[in-house]
Amino acid sequence: MNIRRLSMDVDKAMDQPSILEIAAAIDGCGGVAACNIAVNEIDVETVGMDITIEGEGLDYHAIVAAIEKTGAAVHSLDQVVIGDRIIERAPRVR
């Protein structure tokens, strides 16, 4: 399966690791062409982030292992895009 995009909810401790350390860990995984890390919540002890990764042949398990090796925690996989191209999410009309 050719995974082209992953979007995840990730938390880290306030002081460590830095967002740059997490980005470097993700960048070290095979197939990664781009990564966006956006802080969406700051608590007294934790920082919540949305992480989006694009590339070709992304290895979800290797990426999660790299993130967790930094000390951050993956809470959920919120989007996965597979195939020959990326399809942008279209809102459903009800």
PDB file of N, CA and C in Angstrom:
ATOM      1  N   MET A   1       0.855  -1.172   0.000  1.00  0.00           N
ATOM      2  CA  MET A   1       0.000   0.000   0.000  1.00  0.00           C
ATOM      3  C   MET A   1       0.903   1.238   0.000  1.00  0.00           C
ATOM      4  N   ASN A   2       0.647   2.156  -0.905  1.00  0.00           N
ATOM      5  CA  ASN A   2       1.435   3.377  -1.020  1.00  0.00           C
ATOM      6  C   ASN A   2       0.794   4.482  -0.182  1.00  0.00           C
ATOM      7  N   ILE A   3       1.286   4.653   1.052  1.00  0.00           N
ATOM      8  CA  ILE A   3       0.773   5.714   1.918  1.00  0.00           C
ATOM      9  C   ILE A   3       1.452   7.014   1.512  1.00  0.00           C
ATOM     10  N   ARG A   4       0.632   8.018   1.193  1.00  0.00           N
ATOM     11  CA  ARG A   4       1.145   9.308   0.720  1.00  0.00           C
ATOM     12  C   ARG A   4       0.978  10.434   1.738  1.00  0.00           C
ATOM     13  N   ARG A   5       0.002  10.317   2.646  1.00  0.00           N
ATOM     14  CA  ARG A   5      -0.188  11.354   3.678  1.00  0.00           C
ATOM     15  C   ARG A   5      -0.679  10.700   4.960  1.00  0.00           C
ATOM     16  N   LEU A   6      -0.128  11.182   6.080  1.00  0.00           N
ATOM     17  CA  LEU A   6      -0.585  10.791   7.403  1.00  0.00           C
ATOM     18  C   LEU A   6      -0.821  12.062   8.208  1.00  0.00           C
ATOM     19  N   SER A   7      -1.949  12.112   8.917  1.00  0.00           N
ATOM     20  CA  SER A   7      -2.214  13.213   9.850  1.00  0.00           C
ATOM     21  C   SER A   7      -2.457  12.582  11.214  1.00  0.00           C
ATOM     22  N   MET A   8      -1.713  13.075  12.207  1.00  0.00           N
ATOM     23  CA  MET A   8      -1.774  12.480  13.535  1.00  0.00           C
ATOM     24  C   MET A   8      -1.914  13.537  14.616  1.00  0.00           C
ATOM     25  N   ASP A   9      -2.512  13.120  15.732  1.00  0.00           N
ATOM     26  CA  ASP A   9      -2.587  13.930  16.943  1.00  0.00           C
ATOM     27  C   ASP A   9      -1.484  13.429  17.867  1.00  0.00           C
ATOM     28  N   VAL A  10      -0.557  14.307  18.230  1.00  0.00           N
ATOM     29  CA  VAL A  10       0.616  13.923  19.027  1.00  0.00           C
ATOM     30  C   VAL A  10       0.761  14.885  20.206  1.00  0.00           C
ATOM     31  N   ASP A  11       1.111  14.341  21.376  1.00  0.00           N
ATOM     32  CA  ASP A  11       1.392  15.146  22.561  1.00  0.00           C
ATOM     33  C   ASP A  11       2.840  14.969  22.975  1.00  0.00           C
ATOM     34  N   LYS A  12       3.398  16.021  23.565  1.00  0.00           N
ATOM     35  CA  LYS A  12       4.748  15.960  24.110  1.00  0.00           C
ATOM     36  C   LYS A  12       4.759  16.712  25.434  1.00  0.00           C
ATOM     37  N   ALA A  13       5.765  16.446  26.243  1.00  0.00           N
ATOM     38  CA  ALA A  13       5.939  17.189  27.490  1.00  0.00           C
ATOM     39  C   ALA A  13       6.295  18.632  27.149  1.00  0.00           C
ATOM     40  N   MET A  14       6.010  19.533  28.065  1.00  0.00           N
ATOM     41  CA  MET A  14       6.245  20.957  27.828  1.00  0.00           C
ATOM     42  C   MET A  14       7.703  21.249  27.477  1.00  0.00           C
ATOM     43  N   ASP A  15       8.640  20.630  28.191  1.00  0.00           N
ATOM     44  CA  ASP A  15      10.045  20.988  27.998  1.00  0.00           C
ATOM     45  C   ASP A  15      10.777  20.128  26.968  1.00  0.00           C
ATOM     46  N   GLN A  16      10.516  18.857  26.889  1.00  0.00           N
ATOM     47  CA  GLN A  16      11.224  17.971  25.966  1.00  0.00           C
ATOM     48  C   GLN A  16      10.281  16.947  25.387  1.00  0.00           C
ATOM     49  N   PRO A  17      10.448  16.501  24.187  1.00  0.00           N
ATOM     50  CA  PRO A  17      11.422  16.939  23.192  1.00  0.00           C
ATOM     51  C   PRO A  17      10.966  18.246  22.533  1.00  0.00           C
ATOM     52  N   SER A  18      11.877  18.876  21.824  1.00  0.00           N
ATOM     53  CA  SER A  18      11.484  20.078  21.085  1.00  0.00           C
ATOM     54  C   SER A  18      10.773  19.656  19.798  1.00  0.00           C
ATOM     55  N   ILE A  19      10.039  20.579  19.225  1.00  0.00           N
ATOM     56  CA  ILE A  19       9.377  20.300  17.949  1.00  0.00           C
ATOM     57  C   ILE A  19      10.422  19.994  16.874  1.00  0.00           C
ATOM     58  N   LEU A  20      11.568  20.652  16.941  1.00  0.00           N
ATOM     59  CA  LEU A  20      12.635  20.387  15.972  1.00  0.00           C
ATOM     60  C   LEU A  20      13.163  18.964  16.096  1.00  0.00           C
ATOM     61  N   GLU A  21      13.255  18.440  17.324  1.00  0.00           N
ATOM     62  CA  GLU A  21      13.698  17.053  17.514  1.00  0.00           C
ATOM     63  C   GLU A  21      12.687  16.074  16.924  1.00  0.00           C
ATOM     64  N   ILE A  22      11.412  16.357  17.100  1.00  0.00           N
ATOM     65  CA  ILE A  22      10.376  15.496  16.535  1.00  0.00           C
ATOM     66  C   ILE A  22      10.432  15.554  15.005  1.00  0.00           C
ATOM     67  N   ALA A  23      10.577  16.763  14.469  1.00  0.00           N
ATOM     68  CA  ALA A  23      10.665  16.921  13.008  1.00  0.00           C
ATOM     69  C   ALA A  23      11.869  16.168  12.446  1.00  0.00           C
ATOM     70  N   ALA A  24      13.004  16.239  13.121  1.00  0.00           N
ATOM     71  CA  ALA A  24      14.207  15.536  12.662  1.00  0.00           C
ATOM     72  C   ALA A  24      13.997  14.023  12.684  1.00  0.00           C
ATOM     73  N   ALA A  25      13.320  13.526  13.710  1.00  0.00           N
ATOM     74  CA  ALA A  25      13.045  12.090  13.798  1.00  0.00           C
ATOM     75  C   ALA A  25      12.153  11.638  12.639  1.00  0.00           C
ATOM     76  N   ILE A  26      11.131  12.431  12.335  1.00  0.00           N
ATOM     77  CA  ILE A  26      10.230  12.102  11.223  1.00  0.00           C
ATOM     78  C   ILE A  26      10.981  12.168   9.901  1.00  0.00           C
ATOM     79  N   ASP A  27      11.803  13.200   9.739  1.00  0.00           N
ATOM     80  CA  ASP A  27      12.567  13.383   8.503  1.00  0.00           C
ATOM     81  C   ASP A  27      13.525  12.222   8.250  1.00  0.00           C
ATOM     82  N   GLY A  28      13.947  11.550   9.303  1.00  0.00           N
ATOM     83  CA  GLY A  28      14.846  10.414   9.168  1.00  0.00           C
ATOM     84  C   GLY A  28      14.168   9.139   8.698  1.00  0.00           C
ATOM     85  N   CYS A  29      12.851   9.145   8.594  1.00  0.00           N
ATOM     86  CA  CYS A  29      12.112   7.966   8.139  1.00  0.00           C
ATOM     87  C   CYS A  29      12.036   7.940   6.614  1.00  0.00           C
ATOM     88  N   GLY A  30      12.070   6.765   6.045  1.00  0.00           N
ATOM     89  CA  GLY A  30      12.037   6.611   4.596  1.00  0.00           C
ATOM     90  C   GLY A  30      10.759   7.131   3.966  1.00  0.00           C
ATOM     91  N   GLY A  31      10.897   7.754   2.805  1.00  0.00           N
ATOM     92  CA  GLY A  31       9.756   8.195   2.017  1.00  0.00           C
ATOM     93  C   GLY A  31       9.207   9.554   2.377  1.00  0.00           C
ATOM     94  N   VAL A  32       9.674  10.159   3.462  1.00  0.00           N
ATOM     95  CA  VAL A  32       9.135  11.446   3.909  1.00  0.00           C
ATOM     96  C   VAL A  32       9.639  12.558   2.986  1.00  0.00           C
ATOM     97  N   ALA A  33       8.685  13.274   2.365  1.00  0.00           N
ATOM     98  CA  ALA A  33       9.029  14.408   1.500  1.00  0.00           C
ATOM     99  C   ALA A  33       8.759  15.737   2.200  1.00  0.00           C
ATOM    100  N   ALA A  34       7.762  15.762   3.105  1.00  0.00           N
ATOM    101  CA  ALA A  34       7.405  16.996   3.794  1.00  0.00           C
ATOM    102  C   ALA A  34       6.705  16.665   5.101  1.00  0.00           C
ATOM    103  N   CYS A  35       6.849  17.583   6.068  1.00  0.00           N
ATOM    104  CA  CYS A  35       6.224  17.399   7.379  1.00  0.00           C
ATOM    105  C   CYS A  35       5.794  18.760   7.907  1.00  0.00           C
ATOM    106  N   ASN A  36       4.596  18.831   8.457  1.00  0.00           N
ATOM    107  CA  ASN A  36       4.086  20.048   9.070  1.00  0.00           C
ATOM    108  C   ASN A  36       3.703  19.712  10.501  1.00  0.00           C
ATOM    109  N   ILE A  37       4.280  20.438  11.453  1.00  0.00           N
ATOM    110  CA  ILE A  37       3.936  20.262  12.862  1.00  0.00           C
ATOM    111  C   ILE A  37       3.349  21.573  13.361  1.00  0.00           C
ATOM    112  N   ALA A  38       2.101  21.524  13.822  1.00  0.00           N
ATOM    113  CA  ALA A  38       1.430  22.729  14.313  1.00  0.00           C
ATOM    114  C   ALA A  38       0.944  22.486  15.738  1.00  0.00           C
ATOM    115  N   VAL A  39       1.341  23.368  16.647  1.00  0.00           N
ATOM    116  CA  VAL A  39       0.872  23.297  18.029  1.00  0.00           C
ATOM    117  C   VAL A  39      -0.579  23.746  18.050  1.00  0.00           C
ATOM    118  N   ASN A  40      -1.442  22.932  18.670  1.00  0.00           N
ATOM    119  CA  ASN A  40      -2.852  23.293  18.731  1.00  0.00           C
ATOM    120  C   ASN A  40      -3.373  23.466  20.149  1.00  0.00           C
ATOM    121  N   GLU A  41      -2.554  23.056  21.140  1.00  0.00           N
ATOM    122  CA  GLU A  41      -3.004  23.178  22.524  1.00  0.00           C
ATOM    123  C   GLU A  41      -1.787  23.176  23.441  1.00  0.00           C
ATOM    124  N   ILE A  42      -1.803  24.062  24.421  1.00  0.00           N
ATOM    125  CA  ILE A  42      -0.739  24.096  25.420  1.00  0.00           C
ATOM    126  C   ILE A  42      -1.394  24.003  26.790  1.00  0.00           C
ATOM    127  N   ASP A  43      -0.945  23.020  27.557  1.00  0.00           N
ATOM    128  CA  ASP A  43      -1.431  22.794  28.910  1.00  0.00           C
ATOM    129  C   ASP A  43      -0.278  23.081  29.869  1.00  0.00           C
ATOM    130  N   VAL A  44      -0.503  22.925  31.140  1.00  0.00           N
ATOM    131  CA  VAL A  44       0.538  23.165  32.132  1.00  0.00           C
ATOM    132  C   VAL A  44       1.720  22.221  31.913  1.00  0.00           C
ATOM    133  N   GLU A  45       1.441  20.965  31.564  1.00  0.00           N
ATOM    134  CA  GLU A  45       2.499  19.964  31.435  1.00  0.00           C
ATOM    135  C   GLU A  45       2.724  19.466  30.015  1.00  0.00           C
ATOM    136  N   THR A  46       1.756  19.642  29.125  1.00  0.00           N
ATOM    137  CA  THR A  46       1.865  19.044  27.789  1.00  0.00           C
ATOM    138  C   THR A  46       1.589  20.050  26.678  1.00  0.00           C
ATOM    139  N   VAL A  47       2.072  19.685  25.496  1.00  0.00           N
ATOM    140  CA  VAL A  47       1.832  20.443  24.269  1.00  0.00           C
ATOM    141  C   VAL A  47       1.182  19.489  23.276  1.00  0.00           C
ATOM    142  N   GLY A  48       0.007  19.856  22.768  1.00  0.00           N
ATOM    143  CA  GLY A  48      -0.686  19.054  21.762  1.00  0.00           C
ATOM    144  C   GLY A  48      -0.356  19.568  20.375  1.00  0.00           C
ATOM    145  N   MET A  49      -0.120  18.645  19.450  1.00  0.00           N
ATOM    146  CA  MET A  49       0.274  19.022  18.095  1.00  0.00           C
ATOM    147  C   MET A  49      -0.493  18.224  17.058  1.00  0.00           C
ATOM    148  N   ASP A  50      -0.744  18.864  15.920  1.00  0.00           N
ATOM    149  CA  ASP A  50      -1.228  18.171  14.730  1.00  0.00           C
ATOM    150  C   ASP A  50      -0.023  18.004  13.817  1.00  0.00           C
ATOM    151  N   ILE A  51       0.253  16.770  13.406  1.00  0.00           N
ATOM    152  CA  ILE A  51       1.387  16.496  12.530  1.00  0.00           C
ATOM    153  C   ILE A  51       0.860  15.909  11.229  1.00  0.00           C
ATOM    154  N   THR A  52       1.240  16.529  10.116  1.00  0.00           N
ATOM    155  CA  THR A  52       0.897  16.027   8.786  1.00  0.00           C
ATOM    156  C   THR A  52       2.185  15.717   8.052  1.00  0.00           C
ATOM    157  N   ILE A  53       2.239  14.515   7.493  1.00  0.00           N
ATOM    158  CA  ILE A  53       3.429  14.039   6.790  1.00  0.00           C
ATOM    159  C   ILE A  53       3.006  13.610   5.394  1.00  0.00           C
ATOM    160  N   GLU A  54       3.780  14.043   4.383  1.00  0.00           N
ATOM    161  CA  GLU A  54       3.523  13.610   3.011  1.00  0.00           C
ATOM    162  C   GLU A  54       4.776  13.004   2.423  1.00  0.00           C
ATOM    163  N   GLY A  55       4.571  12.107   1.473  1.00  0.00           N
ATOM    164  CA  GLY A  55       5.678  11.455   0.787  1.00  0.00           C
ATOM    165  C   GLY A  55       5.159  10.289  -0.031  1.00  0.00           C
ATOM    166  N   GLU A  56       6.021   9.334  -0.295  1.00  0.00           N
ATOM    167  CA  GLU A  56       5.635   8.126  -1.026  1.00  0.00           C
ATOM    168  C   GLU A  56       6.108   6.919  -0.253  1.00  0.00           C
ATOM    169  N   GLY A  57       5.237   5.950  -0.115  1.00  0.00           N
ATOM    170  CA  GLY A  57       5.602   4.725   0.583  1.00  0.00           C
ATOM    171  C   GLY A  57       5.924   4.957   2.046  1.00  0.00           C
ATOM    172  N   LEU A  58       5.165   5.844   2.695  1.00  0.00           N
ATOM    173  CA  LEU A  58       5.394   6.131   4.113  1.00  0.00           C
ATOM    174  C   LEU A  58       5.141   4.882   4.946  1.00  0.00           C
ATOM    175  N   ASP A  59       5.982   4.646   5.930  1.00  0.00           N
ATOM    176  CA  ASP A  59       5.848   3.511   6.837  1.00  0.00           C
ATOM    177  C   ASP A  59       5.284   4.030   8.160  1.00  0.00           C
ATOM    178  N   TYR A  60       3.983   3.862   8.349  1.00  0.00           N
ATOM    179  CA  TYR A  60       3.304   4.389   9.535  1.00  0.00           C
ATOM    180  C   TYR A  60       3.971   3.919  10.821  1.00  0.00           C
ATOM    181  N   HIS A  61       4.248   2.627  10.913  1.00  0.00           N
ATOM    182  CA  HIS A  61       4.804   2.078  12.153  1.00  0.00           C
ATOM    183  C   HIS A  61       6.206   2.623  12.438  1.00  0.00           C
ATOM    184  N   ALA A  62       7.017   2.806  11.399  1.00  0.00           N
ATOM    185  CA  ALA A  62       8.362   3.371  11.585  1.00  0.00           C
ATOM    186  C   ALA A  62       8.269   4.829  12.028  1.00  0.00           C
ATOM    187  N   ILE A  63       7.316   5.563  11.481  1.00  0.00           N
ATOM    188  CA  ILE A  63       7.139   6.973  11.851  1.00  0.00           C
ATOM    189  C   ILE A  63       6.677   7.089  13.299  1.00  0.00           C
ATOM    190  N   VAL A  64       5.711   6.266  13.694  1.00  0.00           N
ATOM    191  CA  VAL A  64       5.247   6.275  15.091  1.00  0.00           C
ATOM    192  C   VAL A  64       6.400   5.921  16.025  1.00  0.00           C
ATOM    193  N   ALA A  65       7.186   4.912  15.677  1.00  0.00           N
ATOM    194  CA  ALA A  65       8.329   4.511  16.511  1.00  0.00           C
ATOM    195  C   ALA A  65       9.335   5.655  16.630  1.00  0.00           C
ATOM    196  N   ALA A  66       9.594   6.367  15.541  1.00  0.00           N
ATOM    197  CA  ALA A  66      10.540   7.495  15.573  1.00  0.00           C
ATOM    198  C   ALA A  66      10.021   8.622  16.464  1.00  0.00           C
ATOM    199  N   ILE A  67       8.721   8.918  16.365  1.00  0.00           N
ATOM    200  CA  ILE A  67       8.119   9.962  17.205  1.00  0.00           C
ATOM    201  C   ILE A  67       8.203   9.552  18.677  1.00  0.00           C
ATOM    202  N   GLU A  68       7.825   8.309  18.970  1.00  0.00           N
ATOM    203  CA  GLU A  68       7.817   7.852  20.357  1.00  0.00           C
ATOM    204  C   GLU A  68       9.227   7.740  20.932  1.00  0.00           C
ATOM    205  N   LYS A  69      10.211   7.490  20.085  1.00  0.00           N
ATOM    206  CA  LYS A  69      11.603   7.425  20.559  1.00  0.00           C
ATOM    207  C   LYS A  69      12.075   8.791  21.083  1.00  0.00           C
ATOM    208  N   THR A  70      11.488   9.873  20.580  1.00  0.00           N
ATOM    209  CA  THR A  70      11.843  11.211  21.072  1.00  0.00           C
ATOM    210  C   THR A  70      11.226  11.485  22.442  1.00  0.00           C
ATOM    211  N   GLY A  71      10.220  10.696  22.829  1.00  0.00           N
ATOM    212  CA  GLY A  71       9.526  10.916  24.095  1.00  0.00           C
ATOM    213  C   GLY A  71       8.122  11.463  23.923  1.00  0.00           C
ATOM    214  N   ALA A  72       7.727  11.753  22.681  1.00  0.00           N
ATOM    215  CA  ALA A  72       6.360  12.215  22.404  1.00  0.00           C
ATOM    216  C   ALA A  72       5.432  10.996  22.290  1.00  0.00           C
ATOM    217  N   ALA A  73       4.126  11.232  22.313  1.00  0.00           N
ATOM    218  CA  ALA A  73       3.145  10.146  22.258  1.00  0.00           C
ATOM    219  C   ALA A  73       2.136  10.399  21.149  1.00  0.00           C
ATOM    220  N   VAL A  74       1.934   9.409  20.290  1.00  0.00           N
ATOM    221  CA  VAL A  74       0.930   9.503  19.230  1.00  0.00           C
ATOM    222  C   VAL A  74      -0.407   9.080  19.824  1.00  0.00           C
ATOM    223  N   HIS A  75      -1.393   9.977  19.764  1.00  0.00           N
ATOM    224  CA  HIS A  75      -2.712   9.679  20.321  1.00  0.00           C
ATOM    225  C   HIS A  75      -3.667   9.106  19.294  1.00  0.00           C
ATOM    226  N   SER A  76      -3.580   9.585  18.062  1.00  0.00           N
ATOM    227  CA  SER A  76      -4.496   9.054  17.050  1.00  0.00           C
ATOM    228  C   SER A  76      -3.968   9.315  15.653  1.00  0.00           C
ATOM    229  N   LEU A  77      -4.406   8.454  14.749  1.00  0.00           N
ATOM    230  CA  LEU A  77      -4.196   8.645  13.313  1.00  0.00           C
ATOM    231  C   LEU A  77      -5.502   9.222  12.799  1.00  0.00           C
ATOM    232  N   ASP A  78      -5.478  10.474  12.338  1.00  0.00           N
ATOM    233  CA  ASP A  78      -6.698  11.175  11.974  1.00  0.00           C
ATOM    234  C   ASP A  78      -6.974  11.185  10.479  1.00  0.00           C
ATOM    235  N   GLN A  79      -5.949  10.952   9.660  1.00  0.00           N
ATOM    236  CA  GLN A  79      -6.152  10.905   8.213  1.00  0.00           C
ATOM    237  C   GLN A  79      -5.051  10.054   7.594  1.00  0.00           C
ATOM    238  N   VAL A  80      -5.435   9.253   6.615  1.00  0.00           N
ATOM    239  CA  VAL A  80      -4.472   8.508   5.810  1.00  0.00           C
ATOM    240  C   VAL A  80      -4.906   8.639   4.357  1.00  0.00           C
ATOM    241  N   VAL A  81      -3.950   8.942   3.480  1.00  0.00           N
ATOM    242  CA  VAL A  81      -4.222   9.039   2.044  1.00  0.00           C
ATOM    243  C   VAL A  81      -3.300   8.043   1.361  1.00  0.00           C
ATOM    244  N   ILE A  82      -3.876   7.178   0.525  1.00  0.00           N
ATOM    245  CA  ILE A  82      -3.097   6.165  -0.184  1.00  0.00           C
ATOM    246  C   ILE A  82      -3.361   6.252  -1.674  1.00  0.00           C
ATOM    247  N   GLY A  83      -2.510   5.609  -2.468  1.00  0.00           N
ATOM    248  CA  GLY A  83      -2.748   5.501  -3.900  1.00  0.00           C
ATOM    249  C   GLY A  83      -1.699   6.222  -4.720  1.00  0.00           C
ATOM    250  N   ASP A  84      -2.057   6.478  -5.964  1.00  0.00           N
ATOM    251  CA  ASP A  84      -1.135   7.112  -6.909  1.00  0.00           C
ATOM    252  C   ASP A  84      -1.089   8.628  -6.783  1.00  0.00           C
ATOM    253  N   ARG A  85      -2.107   9.205  -6.149  1.00  0.00           N
ATOM    254  CA  ARG A  85      -2.137  10.656  -5.990  1.00  0.00           C
ATOM    255  C   ARG A  85      -2.854  10.999  -4.692  1.00  0.00           C
ATOM    256  N   ILE A  86      -2.756  12.274  -4.318  1.00  0.00           N
ATOM    257  CA  ILE A  86      -3.411  12.733  -3.097  1.00  0.00           C
ATOM    258  C   ILE A  86      -4.751  13.356  -3.446  1.00  0.00           C
ATOM    259  N   ILE A  87      -5.783  12.892  -2.776  1.00  0.00           N
ATOM    260  CA  ILE A  87      -7.119  13.467  -2.931  1.00  0.00           C
ATOM    261  C   ILE A  87      -7.365  14.338  -1.701  1.00  0.00           C
ATOM    262  N   GLU A  88      -7.643  15.617  -1.924  1.00  0.00           N
ATOM    263  CA  GLU A  88      -7.954  16.502  -0.806  1.00  0.00           C
ATOM    264  C   GLU A  88      -9.348  16.178  -0.288  1.00  0.00           C
ATOM    265  N   ARG A  89      -9.505  16.286   0.998  1.00  0.00           N
ATOM    266  CA  ARG A  89     -10.791  15.991   1.635  1.00  0.00           C
ATOM    267  C   ARG A  89     -11.826  17.006   1.179  1.00  0.00           C
ATOM    268  N   ALA A  90     -12.950  16.518   0.727  1.00  0.00           N
ATOM    269  CA  ALA A  90     -14.056  17.383   0.335  1.00  0.00           C
ATOM    270  C   ALA A  90     -15.137  17.279   1.405  1.00  0.00           C
ATOM    271  N   PRO A  91     -15.594  18.416   1.927  1.00  0.00           N
ATOM    272  CA  PRO A  91     -16.648  18.350   2.951  1.00  0.00           C
ATOM    273  C   PRO A  91     -17.922  17.755   2.373  1.00  0.00           C
ATOM    274  N   ARG A  92     -18.564  16.920   3.193  1.00  0.00           N
ATOM    275  CA  ARG A  92     -19.820  16.293   2.764  1.00  0.00           C
ATOM    276  C   ARG A  92     -20.944  17.300   2.820  1.00  0.00           C
ATOM    277  N   VAL A  93     -21.794  17.287   1.803  1.00  0.00           N
ATOM    278  CA  VAL A  93     -22.984  18.139   1.804  1.00  0.00           C
ATOM    279  C   VAL A  93     -24.124  17.285   2.303  1.00  0.00           C
ATOM    280  N   ARG A  94     -24.822  17.802   3.315  1.00  0.00           N
ATOM    281  CA  ARG A  94     -25.933  17.028   3.901  1.00  0.00           C
ATOM    282  C   ARG A  94     -27.242  17.699   3.633  1.00  0.00           C
TER     283      ARG A  94
END
